[in-house]
Amino acid sequence: MLAAMLDSMAHRTMPDSSYRRSAFESNRESTVLPPQVFDTPRWYACRTRARAEKRAARLLAGNGVESYLPVIEQLRQWSDRKKRVAFPLFPGYVFARFDLRKTYEVLNTPGIVTIVRANGYPTPLRDEELESVRILVTGVNAGEAMPRPVETVTIGQEVIATAGVFAGMRGVLLEERGRTRVVVRLSVLCQAVSVELPRRVLRPVPS
C-alpha cells in the first residue's frame, strides 16, 4: 500500500547533474515527466525518519525550502501539571514546496528519507487537499472536535464547510452511526482524517 508508493533511496547520492535523467528510471525505462514539474514549485509529501518530522521541517526552512508540518495540539496530564503538546497529524511526513531541480537538496536534508511517488516520480499534492488540511488543523487547534484517522473513501458527496472555524474546508461527506463527518484526504499519501461537523454548515461542491 503506502510502502509500495515509496521508492528506494538508491538515487540519494547521485550528483545533481545526472539526477534529472537517472532518478526516475525504473526497469531501464525512463518515466515521461511533465516538464512543468521541474520549473514550477509545488507541494510534495516527504517521508521522514521516525520522530524526525519537526527537525526535518526546521532544516528544510533553514535551507530556503518552504515547509509545512500539520500538528494537532492535545492537552496532556502529568503528575504535577497539564501541558499542551503538539503531535504530527500525519506521523512520518512533512510537506515541502519546491521545484524538482531542488530534489537532490531536499533528499539530503537530515531526517528526510524520500519524496512520495505515486506515478513513478515525485507526485505533487493537490492544492485544495493541502488547503483543507490547513483549515482542519486551525479549527481543531482552536478547540473544536478532534480529528481521527479513517479509511480512504472513494464514494460520497464532496462538500465544503461554509461557517465556523472550518469554513472553506473541503472533504467527502460521510455518515457514521447517524453522525455527519467530513473526510479530508491526501490522495498522494492514501491517508485521510475526519472531523464531525453539523450538516447545516455543509454545502455541496459545485461540479
Protein backbone atom coordinates (compact mmCIF):
# COMPACT_ATOMS: atom_id res chain seq x y z
CA MET A 1 0.00 0.00 0.00
CA LEU A 2 1.87 3.05 1.25
CA ALA A 3 5.16 1.18 1.18
CA ALA A 4 4.61 0.37 -2.47
CA MET A 5 4.45 4.09 -3.23
CA LEU A 6 7.83 4.86 -1.79
CA ASP A 7 10.92 4.36 -3.94
CA SER A 8 14.21 3.13 -2.57
CA MET A 9 16.88 5.68 -1.84
CA ALA A 10 19.40 4.27 -4.26
CA HIS A 11 19.41 7.62 -6.07
CA ARG A 12 20.13 9.70 -2.98
CA THR A 13 23.84 10.03 -3.54
CA MET A 14 23.64 10.78 -7.27
CA PRO A 15 25.23 14.06 -8.38
CA ASP A 16 22.77 16.76 -9.28
CA SER A 17 23.83 16.85 -12.94
CA SER A 18 22.67 13.28 -13.57
CA TYR A 19 19.62 13.29 -11.32
CA ARG A 20 17.12 14.52 -13.88
CA ARG A 21 17.94 11.70 -16.27
CA SER A 22 18.54 8.84 -13.87
CA ALA A 23 16.50 9.37 -10.72
CA PHE A 24 13.19 8.36 -12.23
CA GLU A 25 14.26 5.34 -14.29
CA SER A 26 12.58 2.03 -13.49
CA ASN A 27 13.47 -1.26 -15.13
CA ARG A 28 15.68 0.67 -17.56
CA GLU A 29 12.70 2.56 -18.94
CA SER A 30 12.56 6.28 -18.22
CA THR A 31 9.31 7.69 -16.90
CA VAL A 32 7.96 10.53 -19.02
CA LEU A 33 7.78 13.53 -16.70
CA PRO A 34 5.52 16.55 -17.17
CA PRO A 35 8.00 19.34 -17.96
CA GLN A 36 6.31 21.77 -15.57
CA VAL A 37 7.30 19.71 -12.52
CA PHE A 38 10.90 20.90 -12.99
CA ASP A 39 10.11 24.58 -13.38
CA THR A 40 7.13 25.21 -11.10
CA PRO A 41 7.37 24.96 -7.29
CA ARG A 42 4.76 22.52 -6.00
CA TRP A 43 3.95 20.95 -2.66
CA TYR A 44 5.27 17.41 -2.12
CA ALA A 45 4.98 14.92 0.73
CA CYS A 46 8.36 13.90 2.14
CA ARG A 47 8.74 10.74 4.21
CA THR A 48 10.85 11.26 7.33
CA ARG A 49 12.63 9.08 9.81
CA ALA A 50 10.69 8.17 12.94
CA ARG A 51 10.02 11.20 15.15
CA ALA A 52 12.12 13.43 12.87
CA GLU A 53 9.25 15.46 11.39
CA LYS A 54 9.85 18.68 13.34
CA ARG A 55 13.61 18.68 12.82
CA ALA A 56 13.27 17.96 9.10
CA ALA A 57 10.74 20.79 8.68
CA ARG A 58 13.05 23.17 10.53
CA LEU A 59 16.10 22.21 8.45
CA LEU A 60 14.18 22.49 5.18
CA ALA A 61 13.09 26.01 6.11
CA GLY A 62 16.65 26.85 7.13
CA ASN A 63 17.81 25.85 3.64
CA GLY A 64 15.27 28.11 1.99
CA VAL A 65 12.70 25.38 1.19
CA GLU A 66 9.18 26.26 2.30
CA SER A 67 7.87 23.53 4.59
CA TYR A 68 4.66 22.72 6.39
CA LEU A 69 4.15 20.28 9.25
CA PRO A 70 0.49 19.98 10.30
CA VAL A 71 0.39 19.41 14.07
CA ILE A 72 -2.53 18.88 16.42
CA GLU A 73 -2.29 20.20 19.97
CA GLN A 74 -3.55 17.95 22.76
CA LEU A 75 -3.74 18.59 26.48
CA ARG A 76 -1.66 16.05 28.39
CA GLN A 77 -1.78 15.46 32.13
CA TRP A 78 1.39 14.89 34.13
CA SER A 79 1.51 14.19 37.84
CA ASP A 80 2.20 17.84 38.66
CA ARG A 81 0.88 19.80 35.69
CA LYS A 82 -1.02 19.93 32.43
CA LYS A 83 0.58 20.88 29.15
CA ARG A 84 -0.48 21.26 25.53
CA VAL A 85 1.65 19.00 23.35
CA ALA A 86 1.83 19.15 19.54
CA PHE A 87 1.63 15.90 17.58
CA PRO A 88 2.02 15.49 13.79
CA LEU A 89 -1.33 14.91 12.09
CA PHE A 90 0.39 12.58 9.62
CA PRO A 91 3.25 10.93 11.54
CA GLY A 92 6.31 10.31 9.42
CA TYR A 93 5.61 13.04 6.87
CA VAL A 94 6.47 16.68 6.29
CA PHE A 95 5.34 18.75 3.32
CA ALA A 96 7.72 20.88 1.27
CA ARG A 97 7.25 23.27 -1.64
CA PHE A 98 9.96 23.20 -4.32
CA ASP A 99 10.59 22.52 -7.99
CA LEU A 100 12.24 19.23 -8.87
CA ARG A 101 15.57 20.88 -9.65
CA LYS A 102 15.94 21.01 -5.84
CA THR A 103 15.21 17.30 -5.38
CA TYR A 104 18.80 16.39 -4.53
CA GLU A 105 18.97 19.20 -1.98
CA VAL A 106 15.70 18.11 -0.33
CA LEU A 107 16.73 14.44 -0.19
CA ASN A 108 19.99 15.37 1.50
CA THR A 109 18.20 17.16 4.32
CA PRO A 110 18.83 15.23 7.58
CA GLY A 111 15.72 13.32 8.55
CA ILE A 112 14.25 13.12 5.05
CA VAL A 113 14.03 9.56 3.71
CA THR A 114 12.33 10.04 0.35
CA ILE A 115 9.73 12.01 -1.59
CA VAL A 116 6.42 10.22 -2.04
CA ARG A 117 5.95 8.94 -5.59
CA ALA A 118 2.59 7.77 -6.87
CA ASN A 119 3.24 7.94 -10.61
CA GLY A 120 6.86 6.84 -10.87
CA TYR A 121 8.15 10.31 -9.99
CA PRO A 122 7.66 12.71 -7.04
CA THR A 123 3.95 13.45 -7.18
CA PRO A 124 2.67 16.93 -6.27
CA LEU A 125 -0.12 17.29 -3.74
CA ARG A 126 -3.42 18.71 -4.81
CA ASP A 127 -3.58 22.32 -3.66
CA GLU A 128 -7.18 22.07 -2.48
CA GLU A 129 -6.41 18.98 -0.38
CA LEU A 130 -3.49 20.62 1.41
CA GLU A 131 -5.51 23.79 1.97
CA SER A 132 -8.27 21.71 3.58
CA VAL A 133 -5.67 20.14 5.87
CA ARG A 134 -4.54 23.63 6.93
CA ILE A 135 -8.12 24.67 7.70
CA LEU A 136 -8.76 21.44 9.63
CA VAL A 137 -5.63 21.93 11.75
CA THR A 138 -6.53 25.55 12.51
CA GLY A 139 -10.06 24.57 13.52
CA VAL A 140 -9.00 21.67 15.72
CA ASN A 141 -6.34 23.72 17.50
CA ALA A 142 -8.96 26.41 18.14
CA GLY A 143 -10.69 23.92 20.40
CA GLU A 144 -13.12 22.23 18.02
CA ALA A 145 -13.69 18.47 17.65
CA MET A 146 -10.59 16.28 17.37
CA PRO A 147 -9.95 14.54 14.05
CA ARG A 148 -9.38 10.82 13.73
CA PRO A 149 -7.90 8.58 11.04
CA VAL A 150 -10.32 6.88 8.65
CA GLU A 151 -10.02 4.55 5.72
CA THR A 152 -9.57 6.42 2.46
CA VAL A 153 -13.02 6.79 0.95
CA THR A 154 -13.84 6.59 -2.74
CA ILE A 155 -17.57 7.35 -2.66
CA GLY A 156 -19.66 10.08 -1.13
CA GLN A 157 -20.61 13.64 -1.96
CA GLU A 158 -17.89 16.28 -1.94
CA VAL A 159 -18.84 19.13 0.37
CA ILE A 160 -17.43 22.39 1.68
CA ALA A 161 -17.88 23.89 5.14
CA THR A 162 -19.43 27.35 4.91
CA ALA A 163 -19.31 28.60 8.50
CA GLY A 164 -17.27 28.40 11.68
CA VAL A 165 -13.56 27.78 12.09
CA PHE A 166 -13.67 25.06 9.40
CA ALA A 167 -15.14 27.37 6.74
CA GLY A 168 -13.56 26.68 3.36
CA MET A 169 -12.51 23.13 4.20
CA ARG A 170 -13.41 20.61 1.51
CA GLY A 171 -13.96 16.93 2.02
CA VAL A 172 -16.19 13.95 1.42
CA LEU A 173 -19.44 13.62 3.35
CA LEU A 174 -19.63 10.50 5.49
CA GLU A 175 -22.37 9.38 7.84
CA GLU A 176 -21.41 7.19 10.77
CA ARG A 177 -23.98 5.96 13.26
CA GLY A 178 -26.23 8.91 12.44
CA ARG A 179 -23.47 11.50 12.77
CA THR A 180 -22.15 13.64 9.95
CA ARG A 181 -18.40 13.59 9.42
CA VAL A 182 -16.29 15.25 6.73
CA VAL A 183 -13.32 13.28 5.47
CA VAL A 184 -10.25 15.25 4.37
CA ARG A 185 -8.00 13.23 2.09
CA LEU A 186 -4.41 13.42 0.92
CA SER A 187 -4.59 11.25 -2.19
CA VAL A 188 -0.83 11.01 -2.63
CA LEU A 189 -0.45 9.50 0.85
CA CYS A 190 -3.57 7.31 0.61
CA GLN A 191 -4.45 8.70 4.05
CA ALA A 192 -7.42 10.57 5.38
CA VAL A 193 -8.75 12.10 8.59
CA SER A 194 -12.29 13.04 9.51
CA VAL A 195 -13.96 15.56 11.77
CA GLU A 196 -17.58 15.75 12.90
CA LEU A 197 -19.49 18.80 11.63
CA PRO A 198 -23.17 19.76 11.72
CA ARG A 199 -24.92 19.22 8.40
CA ARG A 200 -26.27 22.77 8.43
CA VAL A 201 -22.82 24.27 7.71
CA LEU A 202 -22.13 21.95 4.74
CA ARG A 203 -22.86 22.67 1.11
CA PRO A 204 -22.22 20.54 -2.00
CA VAL A 205 -19.12 21.50 -4.02
CA PRO A 206 -20.23 22.61 -7.50
CA SER A 207 -19.20 20.09 -10.13
